């Protein structure tokens, strides 16, 4: 099932009254995401800086878009990955580099509601994806 747009996610999260409901929504997004093929869960695809195991793989489509396959061994992190994928998956490298992820996270009111280690991991995931996109732009 395709992920909702970033704007839809922002609006959906604003609908909930408390963070327990928002966490459930984020976890549900992660559960709805396609599972990564276990053969892709290699040390080369592991994101450094995350408390949980997080793997990222990318495919370059002929239309210039980058298609990501992501996974984690933690359900909340799969949800956080879904939030990131809503912003970055099936976008061109230029769109990824241009997207204001900090503004998106601010609108989600996310970072003050996750632990500092999860926040660091989230930043590591974003940095990894942005560096992939930057490398494609510079190729």
C-alpha atoms as a PDB file:
ATOM      1  CA  UNK A   1       0.000   0.000   0.000  1.00  0.00           C
ATOM      2  CA  UNK A   2       1.451   3.396  -0.927  1.00  0.00           C
ATOM      3  CA  UNK A   3       2.248   5.772   1.887  1.00  0.00           C
ATOM      4  CA  UNK A   4       0.163   8.918   2.284  1.00  0.00           C
ATOM      5  CA  UNK A   5       1.709  12.226   1.263  1.00  0.00           C
ATOM      6  CA  UNK A   6       3.655  14.275   3.784  1.00  0.00           C
ATOM      7  CA  UNK A   7       0.788  16.788   3.900  1.00  0.00           C
ATOM      8  CA  UNK A   8      -1.745  14.024   4.607  1.00  0.00           C
ATOM      9  CA  UNK A   9       0.455  12.669   7.406  1.00  0.00           C
ATOM     10  CA  UNK A  10       0.754  16.142   8.952  1.00  0.00           C
ATOM     11  CA  UNK A  11      -3.027  16.599   8.788  1.00  0.00           C
ATOM     12  CA  UNK A  12      -3.700  13.105  10.147  1.00  0.00           C
ATOM     13  CA  UNK A  13      -1.384  13.632  13.113  1.00  0.00           C
ATOM     14  CA  UNK A  14      -2.999  16.998  13.896  1.00  0.00           C
ATOM     15  CA  UNK A  15      -6.331  15.170  14.180  1.00  0.00           C
ATOM     16  CA  UNK A  16      -5.173  13.119  17.191  1.00  0.00           C
ATOM     17  CA  UNK A  17      -5.477  14.633  20.656  1.00  0.00           C
ATOM     18  CA  UNK A  18      -2.507  12.969  22.321  1.00  0.00           C
ATOM     19  CA  UNK A  19       0.842  11.451  21.479  1.00  0.00           C
ATOM     20  CA  UNK A  20      -0.200   7.918  22.373  1.00  0.00           C
ATOM     21  CA  UNK A  21      -2.661   8.017  19.457  1.00  0.00           C
ATOM     22  CA  UNK A  22      -0.031   9.651  17.231  1.00  0.00           C
ATOM     23  CA  UNK A  23       2.505   6.924  18.054  1.00  0.00           C
ATOM     24  CA  UNK A  24      -0.071   4.280  17.126  1.00  0.00           C
ATOM     25  CA  UNK A  25      -0.667   6.034  13.791  1.00  0.00           C
ATOM     26  CA  UNK A  26       3.096   6.212  13.115  1.00  0.00           C
ATOM     27  CA  UNK A  27       3.518   2.526  14.017  1.00  0.00           C
ATOM     28  CA  UNK A  28       0.592   1.657  11.711  1.00  0.00           C
ATOM     29  CA  UNK A  29       2.307   3.528   8.862  1.00  0.00           C
ATOM     30  CA  UNK A  30       5.399   1.401   9.434  1.00  0.00           C
ATOM     31  CA  UNK A  31       3.379  -1.796   9.487  1.00  0.00           C
ATOM     32  CA  UNK A  32       1.759  -0.848   6.171  1.00  0.00           C
ATOM     33  CA  UNK A  33       5.136  -0.367   4.492  1.00  0.00           C
ATOM     34  CA  UNK A  34       6.496  -3.163   2.329  1.00  0.00           C
ATOM     35  CA  UNK A  35       9.015  -5.398   4.060  1.00  0.00           C
ATOM     36  CA  UNK A  36      12.572  -5.308   2.787  1.00  0.00           C
ATOM     37  CA  UNK A  37      13.860  -8.501   1.219  1.00  0.00           C
ATOM     38  CA  UNK A  38      15.962 -10.090   4.006  1.00  0.00           C
ATOM     39  CA  UNK A  39      18.775 -10.704   1.504  1.00  0.00           C
ATOM     40  CA  UNK A  40      19.212  -6.899   1.337  1.00  0.00           C
ATOM     41  CA  UNK A  41      19.735  -6.609   5.088  1.00  0.00           C
ATOM     42  CA  UNK A  42      23.511  -6.578   4.790  1.00  0.00           C
ATOM     43  CA  UNK A  43      26.163  -4.689   6.771  1.00  0.00           C
ATOM     44  CA  UNK A  44      26.745  -2.407   3.753  1.00  0.00           C
ATOM     45  CA  UNK A  45      23.127  -1.236   3.904  1.00  0.00           C
ATOM     46  CA  UNK A  46      23.056  -0.790   7.682  1.00  0.00           C
ATOM     47  CA  UNK A  47      22.735   2.842   8.798  1.00  0.00           C
ATOM     48  CA  UNK A  48      25.388   3.847  11.296  1.00  0.00           C
ATOM     49  CA  UNK A  49      24.222   6.016  14.187  1.00  0.00           C
ATOM     50  CA  UNK A  50      20.934   4.247  14.861  1.00  0.00           C
ATOM     51  CA  UNK A  51      20.180   2.507  18.142  1.00  0.00           C
ATOM     52  CA  UNK A  52      18.097  -0.079  16.277  1.00  0.00           C
ATOM     53  CA  UNK A  53      19.128  -1.887  13.122  1.00  0.00           C
ATOM     54  CA  UNK A  54      18.069   0.125  10.076  1.00  0.00           C
ATOM     55  CA  UNK A  55      18.785  -0.884   6.500  1.00  0.00           C
ATOM     56  CA  UNK A  56      18.434   1.285   3.400  1.00  0.00           C
ATOM     57  CA  UNK A  57      18.715   0.149  -0.208  1.00  0.00           C
ATOM     58  CA  UNK A  58      18.135   2.323  -3.256  1.00  0.00           C
ATOM     59  CA  UNK A  59      17.285   1.636  -6.872  1.00  0.00           C
ATOM     60  CA  UNK A  60      17.628   4.200  -9.645  1.00  0.00           C
ATOM     61  CA  UNK A  61      14.615   4.162 -11.961  1.00  0.00           C
ATOM     62  CA  UNK A  62      14.881   5.066 -15.640  1.00  0.00           C
ATOM     63  CA  UNK A  63      12.755   8.189 -14.992  1.00  0.00           C
ATOM     64  CA  UNK A  64      15.419   9.528 -12.617  1.00  0.00           C
ATOM     65  CA  UNK A  65      13.511   8.745  -9.435  1.00  0.00           C
ATOM     66  CA  UNK A  66      15.084   6.973  -6.488  1.00  0.00           C
ATOM     67  CA  UNK A  67      13.160   4.072  -5.022  1.00  0.00           C
ATOM     68  CA  UNK A  68      14.093   3.107  -1.485  1.00  0.00           C
ATOM     69  CA  UNK A  69      13.682  -0.172   0.316  1.00  0.00           C
ATOM     70  CA  UNK A  70      13.991   0.291   4.080  1.00  0.00           C
ATOM     71  CA  UNK A  71      13.515  -1.778   7.191  1.00  0.00           C
ATOM     72  CA  UNK A  72      14.210  -1.877  10.906  1.00  0.00           C
ATOM     73  CA  UNK A  73      14.036  -4.423  13.679  1.00  0.00           C
ATOM     74  CA  UNK A  74      12.082  -1.942  15.860  1.00  0.00           C
ATOM     75  CA  UNK A  75       8.402  -1.248  15.152  1.00  0.00           C
ATOM     76  CA  UNK A  76       8.517   2.438  16.119  1.00  0.00           C
ATOM     77  CA  UNK A  77      11.565   2.924  13.903  1.00  0.00           C
ATOM     78  CA  UNK A  78       9.689   1.317  10.978  1.00  0.00           C
ATOM     79  CA  UNK A  79       7.065   3.991  11.616  1.00  0.00           C
ATOM     80  CA  UNK A  80       9.681   6.727  11.617  1.00  0.00           C
ATOM     81  CA  UNK A  81      11.060   5.257   8.376  1.00  0.00           C
ATOM     82  CA  UNK A  82       7.561   5.507   6.901  1.00  0.00           C
ATOM     83  CA  UNK A  83       7.488   9.220   7.756  1.00  0.00           C
ATOM     84  CA  UNK A  84      10.840   9.677   6.008  1.00  0.00           C
ATOM     85  CA  UNK A  85       9.790   7.553   3.013  1.00  0.00           C
ATOM     86  CA  UNK A  86       6.678   9.705   2.552  1.00  0.00           C
ATOM     87  CA  UNK A  87       9.077  12.595   1.972  1.00  0.00           C
ATOM     88  CA  UNK A  88      11.768  10.860  -0.083  1.00  0.00           C
ATOM     89  CA  UNK A  89      10.636   7.658  -1.796  1.00  0.00           C
ATOM     90  CA  UNK A  90      10.069   7.746  -5.562  1.00  0.00           C
ATOM     91  CA  UNK A  91      11.432  11.260  -5.833  1.00  0.00           C
ATOM     92  CA  UNK A  92      14.300  12.551  -7.946  1.00  0.00           C
ATOM     93  CA  UNK A  93      17.619  13.328  -6.308  1.00  0.00           C
ATOM     94  CA  UNK A  94      16.886  17.031  -6.873  1.00  0.00           C
ATOM     95  CA  UNK A  95      13.539  16.744  -5.079  1.00  0.00           C
ATOM     96  CA  UNK A  96      15.153  14.917  -2.159  1.00  0.00           C
ATOM     97  CA  UNK A  97      17.908  17.494  -1.753  1.00  0.00           C
ATOM     98  CA  UNK A  98      15.413  20.370  -2.050  1.00  0.00           C
ATOM     99  CA  UNK A  99      12.864  18.969   0.436  1.00  0.00           C
ATOM    100  CA  UNK A 100      12.955  20.789   3.788  1.00  0.00           C
ATOM    101  CA  UNK A 101      12.951  17.780   6.121  1.00  0.00           C
ATOM    102  CA  UNK A 102      13.481  19.941   9.230  1.00  0.00           C
ATOM    103  CA  UNK A 103      10.333  21.933   8.464  1.00  0.00           C
ATOM    104  CA  UNK A 104       8.437  18.657   7.915  1.00  0.00           C
ATOM    105  CA  UNK A 105       9.598  17.287  11.281  1.00  0.00           C
ATOM    106  CA  UNK A 106       8.667  20.594  12.947  1.00  0.00           C
ATOM    107  CA  UNK A 107       5.165  20.389  11.461  1.00  0.00           C
ATOM    108  CA  UNK A 108       4.892  16.817  12.741  1.00  0.00           C
ATOM    109  CA  UNK A 109       5.959  18.075  16.202  1.00  0.00           C
ATOM    110  CA  UNK A 110       8.017  14.901  16.238  1.00  0.00           C
ATOM    111  CA  UNK A 111      11.467  15.445  17.662  1.00  0.00           C
ATOM    112  CA  UNK A 112      10.402  16.609  21.122  1.00  0.00           C
ATOM    113  CA  UNK A 113       8.291  13.461  21.446  1.00  0.00           C
ATOM    114  CA  UNK A 114      10.939  10.862  20.646  1.00  0.00           C
ATOM    115  CA  UNK A 115      13.962   9.967  22.731  1.00  0.00           C
ATOM    116  CA  UNK A 116      17.283  11.697  21.982  1.00  0.00           C
ATOM    117  CA  UNK A 117      18.742   8.406  20.720  1.00  0.00           C
ATOM    118  CA  UNK A 118      15.776   7.940  18.345  1.00  0.00           C
ATOM    119  CA  UNK A 119      16.240  11.551  17.222  1.00  0.00           C
ATOM    120  CA  UNK A 120      19.905  10.887  16.491  1.00  0.00           C
ATOM    121  CA  UNK A 121      18.956   7.757  14.562  1.00  0.00           C
ATOM    122  CA  UNK A 122      16.340   9.670  12.600  1.00  0.00           C
ATOM    123  CA  UNK A 123      18.974  12.263  11.662  1.00  0.00           C
ATOM    124  CA  UNK A 124      21.361   9.457  10.623  1.00  0.00           C
ATOM    125  CA  UNK A 125      18.664   8.007   8.331  1.00  0.00           C
ATOM    126  CA  UNK A 126      17.971  11.405   6.760  1.00  0.00           C
ATOM    127  CA  UNK A 127      21.696  12.103   6.338  1.00  0.00           C
ATOM    128  CA  UNK A 128      22.199   8.735   4.620  1.00  0.00           C
ATOM    129  CA  UNK A 129      19.345   9.341   2.158  1.00  0.00           C
ATOM    130  CA  UNK A 130      20.418  12.918   1.479  1.00  0.00           C
ATOM    131  CA  UNK A 131      23.999  11.776   0.818  1.00  0.00           C
ATOM    132  CA  UNK A 132      22.709   9.151  -1.647  1.00  0.00           C
ATOM    133  CA  UNK A 133      20.715  11.859  -3.441  1.00  0.00           C
ATOM    134  CA  UNK A 134      23.661  14.282  -3.404  1.00  0.00           C
ATOM    135  CA  UNK A 135      25.915  11.603  -4.916  1.00  0.00           C
ATOM    136  CA  UNK A 136      23.375  11.032  -7.709  1.00  0.00           C
ATOM    137  CA  UNK A 137      23.159  14.791  -8.325  1.00  0.00           C
ATOM    138  CA  UNK A 138      26.940  15.058  -8.556  1.00  0.00           C
ATOM    139  CA  UNK A 139      27.396  12.008 -10.792  1.00  0.00           C
END
